N, C-alpha and C. Protein backbone atom coordinates (compact mmCIF):
# COMPACT_ATOMS: atom_id res chain seq x y z
N UNK A 1 119.21 193.88 211.28
CA UNK A 1 118.11 194.77 210.98
C UNK A 1 118.57 195.91 210.07
N UNK A 2 119.80 196.32 210.28
CA UNK A 2 120.36 197.38 209.45
C UNK A 2 120.52 196.89 208.02
N UNK A 3 120.79 195.59 207.86
CA UNK A 3 120.94 194.98 206.55
C UNK A 3 119.63 195.01 205.76
N UNK A 4 118.51 194.69 206.41
CA UNK A 4 117.21 194.68 205.76
C UNK A 4 116.79 196.07 205.31
N UNK A 5 117.03 197.07 206.12
CA UNK A 5 116.63 198.43 205.76
C UNK A 5 117.46 198.95 204.60
N UNK A 6 118.74 198.60 204.55
CA UNK A 6 119.58 199.06 203.43
C UNK A 6 119.16 198.38 202.12
N UNK A 7 118.76 197.12 202.17
CA UNK A 7 118.28 196.42 200.98
C UNK A 7 116.97 197.04 200.51
N UNK A 8 116.09 197.38 201.46
CA UNK A 8 114.82 198.01 201.10
C UNK A 8 115.05 199.38 200.48
N UNK A 9 116.00 200.14 201.03
CA UNK A 9 116.31 201.46 200.46
C UNK A 9 116.89 201.32 199.06
N UNK A 10 117.75 200.32 198.87
CA UNK A 10 118.34 200.08 197.55
C UNK A 10 117.27 199.73 196.52
N UNK A 11 116.33 198.87 196.91
CA UNK A 11 115.23 198.51 196.01
C UNK A 11 114.36 199.72 195.72
N UNK A 12 114.10 200.54 196.72
CA UNK A 12 113.29 201.75 196.54
C UNK A 12 113.97 202.73 195.59
N UNK A 13 115.29 202.93 195.76
CA UNK A 13 116.03 203.82 194.87
C UNK A 13 116.05 203.29 193.43
N UNK A 14 116.24 201.99 193.28
CA UNK A 14 116.26 201.40 191.93
C UNK A 14 114.90 201.53 191.26
N UNK A 15 113.83 201.29 192.02
CA UNK A 15 112.49 201.41 191.45
C UNK A 15 112.18 202.85 191.08
N UNK A 16 112.58 203.80 191.93
CA UNK A 16 112.31 205.21 191.62
C UNK A 16 113.14 205.67 190.42
N UNK A 17 114.37 205.18 190.30
CA UNK A 17 115.20 205.54 189.15
C UNK A 17 114.60 204.97 187.86
N UNK A 18 114.13 203.73 187.90
CA UNK A 18 113.51 203.12 186.72
C UNK A 18 112.24 203.86 186.33
N UNK A 19 111.42 204.21 187.31
CA UNK A 19 110.20 204.96 187.04
C UNK A 19 110.52 206.34 186.48
N UNK A 20 111.53 206.99 187.02
CA UNK A 20 111.94 208.29 186.50
C UNK A 20 112.41 208.21 185.06
N UNK A 21 113.16 207.15 184.73
CA UNK A 21 113.62 206.96 183.34
C UNK A 21 112.44 206.74 182.40
N UNK A 22 111.47 205.94 182.82
CA UNK A 22 110.29 205.70 181.99
C UNK A 22 109.50 206.97 181.75
N UNK A 23 109.31 207.77 182.80
CA UNK A 23 108.57 209.03 182.66
C UNK A 23 109.32 209.98 181.74
N UNK A 24 110.63 210.06 181.89
CA UNK A 24 111.44 210.93 181.03
C UNK A 24 111.38 210.48 179.58
N UNK A 25 111.47 209.17 179.34
CA UNK A 25 111.40 208.63 177.99
C UNK A 25 110.05 208.92 177.35
N UNK A 26 108.97 208.69 178.10
CA UNK A 26 107.62 208.95 177.57
C UNK A 26 107.43 210.43 177.29
N UNK A 27 107.93 211.28 178.17
CA UNK A 27 107.80 212.73 177.97
C UNK A 27 108.56 213.20 176.75
N UNK A 28 109.76 212.70 176.56
CA UNK A 28 110.55 213.10 175.39
C UNK A 28 109.93 212.59 174.09
N UNK A 29 109.37 211.40 174.12
CA UNK A 29 108.69 210.90 172.92
C UNK A 29 107.47 211.73 172.58
N UNK A 30 106.76 212.18 173.60
CA UNK A 30 105.56 212.98 173.37
C UNK A 30 105.92 214.37 172.86
N UNK A 31 107.05 214.91 173.27
CA UNK A 31 107.46 216.25 172.86
C UNK A 31 108.24 216.27 171.55
N UNK A 32 108.47 215.12 170.94
CA UNK A 32 109.23 215.04 169.70
C UNK A 32 108.46 215.73 168.58
N UNK A 33 109.04 216.75 167.92
CA UNK A 33 108.32 217.46 166.86
C UNK A 33 108.15 216.62 165.59
N UNK A 34 108.96 215.61 165.40
CA UNK A 34 108.89 214.77 164.19
C UNK A 34 108.12 213.48 164.42
N UNK A 35 107.36 213.41 165.49
CA UNK A 35 106.66 212.17 165.83
C UNK A 35 105.64 211.78 164.76
N UNK A 36 104.84 212.74 164.30
CA UNK A 36 103.83 212.44 163.28
C UNK A 36 104.47 212.05 161.96
N UNK A 37 105.54 212.75 161.59
CA UNK A 37 106.22 212.43 160.33
C UNK A 37 106.84 211.03 160.39
N UNK A 38 107.39 210.67 161.53
CA UNK A 38 107.98 209.33 161.64
C UNK A 38 106.91 208.25 161.63
N UNK A 39 105.73 208.53 162.19
CA UNK A 39 104.63 207.56 162.13
C UNK A 39 104.18 207.36 160.69
N UNK A 40 104.08 208.46 159.93
CA UNK A 40 103.69 208.36 158.52
C UNK A 40 104.74 207.61 157.71
N UNK A 41 106.01 207.85 158.03
CA UNK A 41 107.09 207.16 157.32
C UNK A 41 107.04 205.66 157.59
N UNK A 42 106.74 205.28 158.82
CA UNK A 42 106.64 203.86 159.16
C UNK A 42 105.45 203.23 158.44
N UNK A 43 104.32 203.95 158.37
CA UNK A 43 103.15 203.43 157.66
C UNK A 43 103.45 203.27 156.17
N UNK A 44 104.13 204.26 155.57
CA UNK A 44 104.51 204.15 154.16
C UNK A 44 105.45 202.98 153.93
N UNK A 45 106.37 202.78 154.85
CA UNK A 45 107.31 201.66 154.73
C UNK A 45 106.57 200.33 154.77
N UNK A 46 105.58 200.22 155.66
CA UNK A 46 104.80 198.99 155.75
C UNK A 46 103.99 198.77 154.48
N UNK A 47 103.43 199.85 153.92
CA UNK A 47 102.64 199.74 152.69
C UNK A 47 103.51 199.29 151.52
N UNK A 48 104.70 199.86 151.41
CA UNK A 48 105.61 199.48 150.33
C UNK A 48 106.06 198.03 150.50
N UNK A 49 106.34 197.64 151.73
CA UNK A 49 106.74 196.25 151.98
C UNK A 49 105.61 195.29 151.63
N UNK A 50 104.37 195.71 151.90
CA UNK A 50 103.23 194.87 151.55
C UNK A 50 103.07 194.76 150.04
N UNK A 51 103.31 195.87 149.34
CA UNK A 51 103.19 195.84 147.88
C UNK A 51 104.28 194.99 147.23
N UNK A 52 105.48 195.01 147.82
CA UNK A 52 106.59 194.27 147.25
C UNK A 52 106.60 192.81 147.65
N UNK A 53 105.78 192.43 148.59
CA UNK A 53 105.74 191.05 149.04
C UNK A 53 105.25 190.12 147.95
N UNK A 54 105.70 188.91 148.00
CA UNK A 54 105.28 187.94 147.00
C UNK A 54 103.96 187.33 147.43
N UNK A 55 102.96 187.40 146.59
CA UNK A 55 101.64 186.87 146.96
C UNK A 55 101.62 185.34 146.93
N UNK A 56 100.65 184.80 147.61
CA UNK A 56 100.49 183.34 147.66
C UNK A 56 99.57 182.89 146.52
N UNK A 57 99.97 183.17 145.31
CA UNK A 57 99.17 182.85 144.13
C UNK A 57 99.97 181.90 143.26
N UNK A 58 99.31 180.90 142.73
CA UNK A 58 99.97 179.95 141.83
C UNK A 58 99.18 179.90 140.53
N UNK A 59 99.80 179.31 139.51
CA UNK A 59 99.12 179.21 138.22
C UNK A 59 98.21 178.00 138.15
N UNK A 60 98.12 177.20 139.19
CA UNK A 60 97.25 176.01 139.17
C UNK A 60 95.78 176.33 138.94
N UNK A 61 95.22 177.43 139.49
CA UNK A 61 93.80 177.69 139.22
C UNK A 61 93.49 177.94 137.75
N UNK A 62 94.50 178.21 136.94
CA UNK A 62 94.29 178.52 135.54
C UNK A 62 94.46 177.26 134.69
N UNK A 63 93.74 176.22 135.02
CA UNK A 63 93.87 174.95 134.31
C UNK A 63 93.36 175.04 132.88
N UNK A 64 92.38 175.87 132.62
CA UNK A 64 91.83 175.98 131.28
C UNK A 64 92.71 176.77 130.33
N UNK A 65 93.73 177.41 130.84
CA UNK A 65 94.58 178.26 130.04
C UNK A 65 95.91 177.58 129.72
N UNK A 66 95.90 176.30 129.46
CA UNK A 66 97.14 175.55 129.28
C UNK A 66 98.04 176.11 128.17
N UNK A 67 97.52 176.45 126.97
CA UNK A 67 98.42 177.01 125.95
C UNK A 67 99.02 178.35 126.37
N UNK A 68 98.22 179.16 127.05
CA UNK A 68 98.72 180.46 127.51
C UNK A 68 99.79 180.27 128.57
N UNK A 69 99.55 179.33 129.50
CA UNK A 69 100.53 179.06 130.55
C UNK A 69 101.84 178.55 129.96
N UNK A 70 101.76 177.68 128.96
CA UNK A 70 102.98 177.15 128.34
C UNK A 70 103.75 178.26 127.63
N UNK A 71 103.03 179.13 126.93
CA UNK A 71 103.69 180.24 126.24
C UNK A 71 104.35 181.19 127.24
N UNK A 72 103.65 181.50 128.32
CA UNK A 72 104.22 182.38 129.33
C UNK A 72 105.41 181.73 130.04
N UNK A 73 105.35 180.42 130.22
CA UNK A 73 106.47 179.72 130.83
C UNK A 73 107.71 179.84 129.95
N UNK A 74 107.53 179.65 128.63
CA UNK A 74 108.66 179.73 127.71
C UNK A 74 109.17 181.16 127.56
N UNK A 75 108.26 182.14 127.59
CA UNK A 75 108.65 183.52 127.34
C UNK A 75 109.17 184.25 128.58
N UNK A 76 108.62 183.93 129.74
CA UNK A 76 108.94 184.72 130.93
C UNK A 76 109.67 183.90 132.00
N UNK A 77 109.08 182.79 132.40
CA UNK A 77 109.60 182.07 133.56
C UNK A 77 110.93 181.38 133.24
N UNK A 78 111.02 180.71 132.12
CA UNK A 78 112.24 179.99 131.77
C UNK A 78 113.45 180.92 131.64
N UNK A 79 113.36 182.07 130.96
CA UNK A 79 114.53 182.96 130.90
C UNK A 79 114.94 183.52 132.27
N UNK A 80 113.98 183.70 133.17
CA UNK A 80 114.34 184.21 134.49
C UNK A 80 114.94 183.13 135.38
N UNK A 81 114.47 181.91 135.23
CA UNK A 81 115.00 180.81 136.05
C UNK A 81 116.32 180.26 135.51
N UNK A 82 116.44 180.17 134.19
CA UNK A 82 117.62 179.58 133.57
C UNK A 82 118.21 180.53 132.54
N UNK A 83 118.85 181.61 132.95
CA UNK A 83 119.37 182.59 131.98
C UNK A 83 120.53 182.04 131.14
N UNK A 84 121.19 180.98 131.60
CA UNK A 84 122.31 180.43 130.83
C UNK A 84 121.84 179.82 129.51
N UNK A 85 120.57 179.43 129.42
CA UNK A 85 120.06 178.87 128.16
C UNK A 85 119.93 179.93 127.08
N UNK A 86 119.78 181.18 127.48
CA UNK A 86 119.53 182.26 126.52
C UNK A 86 120.72 183.20 126.37
N UNK A 87 121.87 182.82 126.90
CA UNK A 87 123.02 183.72 126.83
C UNK A 87 123.76 183.63 125.50
N UNK A 88 123.59 182.55 124.75
CA UNK A 88 124.31 182.37 123.49
C UNK A 88 123.41 182.76 122.32
N UNK A 89 123.92 183.65 121.48
CA UNK A 89 123.19 184.02 120.28
C UNK A 89 122.10 185.05 120.54
N UNK A 90 121.69 185.68 119.43
CA UNK A 90 120.66 186.71 119.53
C UNK A 90 119.28 186.19 119.15
N UNK A 91 119.23 185.06 118.47
CA UNK A 91 117.96 184.53 118.02
C UNK A 91 117.10 184.04 119.18
N UNK A 92 117.71 183.41 120.16
CA UNK A 92 116.97 182.89 121.30
C UNK A 92 117.11 183.78 122.54
N UNK A 93 117.20 185.08 122.33
CA UNK A 93 117.30 186.01 123.46
C UNK A 93 116.01 186.06 124.26
N UNK A 94 116.09 186.39 125.52
CA UNK A 94 114.88 186.45 126.35
C UNK A 94 113.98 187.61 125.96
N UNK A 95 112.71 187.47 126.24
CA UNK A 95 111.73 188.52 125.95
C UNK A 95 111.97 189.72 126.85
N UNK A 96 111.65 190.88 126.35
CA UNK A 96 111.76 192.10 127.15
C UNK A 96 110.53 192.32 128.01
N UNK A 97 109.42 191.73 127.64
CA UNK A 97 108.19 191.89 128.41
C UNK A 97 107.03 191.21 127.72
N UNK A 98 105.91 191.19 128.41
CA UNK A 98 104.69 190.58 127.89
C UNK A 98 103.55 191.54 128.16
N UNK A 99 102.69 191.72 127.17
CA UNK A 99 101.53 192.59 127.33
C UNK A 99 100.29 191.73 127.49
N UNK A 100 99.65 191.83 128.64
CA UNK A 100 98.39 191.14 128.88
C UNK A 100 97.27 192.16 128.70
N UNK A 101 96.33 191.87 127.84
CA UNK A 101 95.25 192.82 127.60
C UNK A 101 93.92 192.10 127.63
N UNK A 102 92.87 192.87 127.83
CA UNK A 102 91.52 192.30 127.88
C UNK A 102 90.64 193.13 128.79
N UNK A 103 89.37 192.78 128.86
CA UNK A 103 88.45 193.53 129.71
C UNK A 103 88.77 193.33 131.19
N UNK A 104 88.27 194.24 132.02
CA UNK A 104 88.53 194.11 133.46
C UNK A 104 87.90 192.84 134.04
N UNK A 105 88.57 192.29 135.03
CA UNK A 105 88.03 191.14 135.73
C UNK A 105 88.31 189.79 135.10
N UNK A 106 89.22 189.74 134.13
CA UNK A 106 89.50 188.47 133.48
C UNK A 106 90.72 187.76 134.05
N UNK A 107 91.38 188.35 135.04
CA UNK A 107 92.49 187.68 135.72
C UNK A 107 93.87 188.04 135.22
N UNK A 108 94.01 189.17 134.55
CA UNK A 108 95.33 189.55 134.03
C UNK A 108 96.31 189.83 135.17
N UNK A 109 95.88 190.59 136.15
CA UNK A 109 96.75 190.93 137.28
C UNK A 109 97.08 189.70 138.10
N UNK A 110 96.11 188.85 138.33
CA UNK A 110 96.34 187.63 139.10
C UNK A 110 97.32 186.72 138.37
N UNK A 111 97.18 186.62 137.06
CA UNK A 111 98.10 185.81 136.27
C UNK A 111 99.51 186.40 136.31
N UNK A 112 99.63 187.72 136.25
CA UNK A 112 100.94 188.36 136.33
C UNK A 112 101.58 188.12 137.70
N UNK A 113 100.78 188.17 138.77
CA UNK A 113 101.30 187.89 140.11
C UNK A 113 101.77 186.44 140.22
N UNK A 114 101.02 185.52 139.63
CA UNK A 114 101.40 184.11 139.67
C UNK A 114 102.69 183.87 138.89
N UNK A 115 102.83 184.53 137.75
CA UNK A 115 104.04 184.39 136.95
C UNK A 115 105.24 184.94 137.71
N UNK A 116 105.06 186.09 138.36
CA UNK A 116 106.15 186.69 139.13
C UNK A 116 106.57 185.77 140.27
N UNK A 117 105.61 185.18 140.94
CA UNK A 117 105.93 184.29 142.05
C UNK A 117 106.66 183.04 141.56
N UNK A 118 106.18 182.49 140.47
CA UNK A 118 106.77 181.25 139.95
C UNK A 118 108.17 181.48 139.40
N UNK A 119 108.43 182.67 138.87
CA UNK A 119 109.75 182.95 138.31
C UNK A 119 110.72 183.51 139.34
N UNK A 120 110.22 183.83 140.54
CA UNK A 120 111.09 184.38 141.58
C UNK A 120 111.27 185.88 141.47
N UNK A 121 110.48 186.53 140.65
CA UNK A 121 110.56 187.99 140.50
C UNK A 121 109.59 188.66 141.46
N UNK A 122 109.72 189.97 141.57
CA UNK A 122 108.84 190.75 142.43
C UNK A 122 107.81 191.45 141.55
N UNK A 123 106.55 191.36 141.91
CA UNK A 123 105.47 191.99 141.17
C UNK A 123 105.15 193.33 141.82
N UNK A 124 105.22 194.40 141.04
CA UNK A 124 104.88 195.73 141.51
C UNK A 124 103.73 196.23 140.66
N UNK A 125 102.58 196.46 141.29
CA UNK A 125 101.40 196.93 140.57
C UNK A 125 101.39 198.46 140.62
N UNK A 126 101.56 199.09 139.46
CA UNK A 126 101.60 200.55 139.37
C UNK A 126 100.47 201.00 138.46
N UNK A 127 99.71 201.94 138.93
CA UNK A 127 98.64 202.52 138.10
C UNK A 127 99.24 203.63 137.24
N UNK A 128 98.73 203.77 136.03
CA UNK A 128 99.27 204.76 135.10
C UNK A 128 99.05 206.17 135.62
N UNK A 129 98.01 206.38 136.42
CA UNK A 129 97.75 207.71 136.95
C UNK A 129 98.80 208.13 137.97
N UNK A 130 99.55 207.19 138.54
CA UNK A 130 100.64 207.53 139.45
C UNK A 130 101.87 208.02 138.70
N UNK A 131 101.95 207.70 137.42
CA UNK A 131 103.13 208.05 136.64
C UNK A 131 102.88 209.24 135.74
N UNK A 132 101.72 209.26 135.09
CA UNK A 132 101.43 210.27 134.08
C UNK A 132 100.16 211.02 134.46
N UNK A 133 100.18 212.32 134.26
CA UNK A 133 99.01 213.15 134.50
C UNK A 133 98.83 214.09 133.31
N UNK A 134 97.61 214.52 133.09
CA UNK A 134 97.39 215.45 131.98
C UNK A 134 97.90 216.84 132.32
N UNK A 135 98.14 217.12 133.60
CA UNK A 135 98.68 218.40 134.03
C UNK A 135 100.17 218.25 134.27
N UNK A 136 100.95 219.18 133.73
CA UNK A 136 102.40 219.11 133.85
C UNK A 136 102.82 219.21 135.31
N UNK A 137 103.61 218.25 135.76
CA UNK A 137 104.13 218.26 137.13
C UNK A 137 103.20 217.71 138.18
N UNK A 138 101.99 217.35 137.81
CA UNK A 138 101.01 216.87 138.80
C UNK A 138 101.36 215.47 139.30
N UNK A 139 101.78 214.59 138.41
CA UNK A 139 102.12 213.22 138.82
C UNK A 139 103.40 213.20 139.65
N UNK A 140 104.31 214.14 139.40
CA UNK A 140 105.55 214.18 140.16
C UNK A 140 105.31 214.61 141.60
N UNK A 141 104.23 215.33 141.85
CA UNK A 141 103.91 215.76 143.21
C UNK A 141 103.49 214.60 144.09
N UNK A 142 102.98 213.53 143.48
CA UNK A 142 102.52 212.39 144.26
C UNK A 142 103.68 211.69 144.95
N UNK A 143 104.83 211.63 144.32
CA UNK A 143 106.02 211.08 144.94
C UNK A 143 105.99 209.58 145.16
N UNK A 144 105.21 208.84 144.38
CA UNK A 144 105.17 207.39 144.56
C UNK A 144 106.42 206.74 144.02
N UNK A 145 107.03 207.34 143.03
CA UNK A 145 108.21 206.72 142.43
C UNK A 145 109.40 207.34 143.03
């Protein structure tokens, strides 16, 4: 009988110690002065990770753009996938970039995302207003870069 009561006391002490630790942990987390800042930092980290993620976009939907796709493959995707082909000589050097222009809604961004995915690069969509402002120092306050 003495054995059963000592086991019950041991279980009671262990349960009370665990409960005390949980209450202390929750209290300290609630009293943390940097709690809001750390939550915002985690949200920003998730947003950046989402922006840097590779989208599930392919160039297959652009079947009507065959000449454009072939040109982009030769100019962008091939140098990124096979850089050894462009390492000899200056005449066949890889392109520094491609400018896609046109009215809104024509698929420029989607095509750029598809090219980035196909070439294994990361697509980062940056708005010009995040970089440049008409007021001196205003864009630097945003801190996106």
